[in-house]
């Protein structure tokens, strides 16, 4: 690794451009081989300073809010593939203006807005908006309920009992999203469930959006199976296939730097308090939950080695992470670097307790550091009134 972390402020999210390009090239190769569209999902990676790089490889992006749509329009120059669980009357006209595809979460939402879609398309025959419906195949292998859209009573997508033998007039697409950092073997089983419930409607559709969760940039992912599944779908149903991964784009492409502010003994446990926060800056570690890796540290406690429980700087009692061991004792001022902190991190940060947000930077391919953004009091104040 060529990054000189001593030259980078703390705390700071650091995207490594070389790694991002590696992921994007792999994804581009899959897209070309399978003959599908793979587009960026902003809910996982919204670092718009890196969008010029993304645009070199991917043909589109997907949004789940008007703000994300605007970011796509302004910094990628694309019309958005849009899915919002419930559209708002005051926003829908602008959603139409800024989107190329719109997926509806329910038939009632479609009935509410289909007249506006029809009127827009009639007035703009040069850029027809293609609409689809999100379906719930009632099959998912996601183990954490918070991330599982197929739990009983899920609000995400319609089950087959709500659809007749024909797609609603004006609908061209079917959308599902039931994976979360899964492999192509899980996709294969998911497609079996989808086809068993919606196969007849797939024959009527022009496109199938398979959502996100396809972690094709993870080591060991069976890419050949993914390509095979996509080709089979295209041939069997004569439709376009779209994927919109959130994690795969920025998977293992960067870091979060941090510094030890204090070390204290608490009932026989050595605790190191950092200038970052698990709750405010990397909430997925507590929501999923998962234990992040630290460069140069032992993931599990090692007997006889300096071991510390790492805590964040908020007053939330649960703002801490499990124990890590180090080759030598930590000191106040020691730098710790958390790995794989680009996807689903910046998009979820908060200023709880008034803690400052981490800076954002890019380690360029010429081994220079570009500081993109720093935050301060105004960033905290602007969220309040």
Foldseek 3Di string as FASTA:
>chain_A
DLADCVVPDPFEWAFAVVVLLVLLVVVLVLCVLLVAAEAAEVLWFLPLVCLVVNLVRHDAYAYADVVSLVSCCPRVVAQHAYEHAADDPVCVVVNLVRHLEYEYFDVVRCVVCVVVLVVVCVVCVVRRRAYAYEAALLDAPQPAPVLAQNDPPRSGHHYLVRDDLEDPPRHAEYEYEGAALDAVVRVVVSVVSCCVRCVSHLLRHQEYEDEENHQCQDPPHDSVSVSVVSNVSCVVRVHHYYYHYNQNSRFFRIKTKWFFADWDADPNAIATEILAWCVAFVVCCVRSNNAFDKPQKASDDDPPFAKYWYAYDAPPPPRTGDMIGHNHHDDGGDMIMTTGQRTSGVSRGDCVVNRFHHWYWYQYPVRDIGGDGGTDDCVNPVVDD
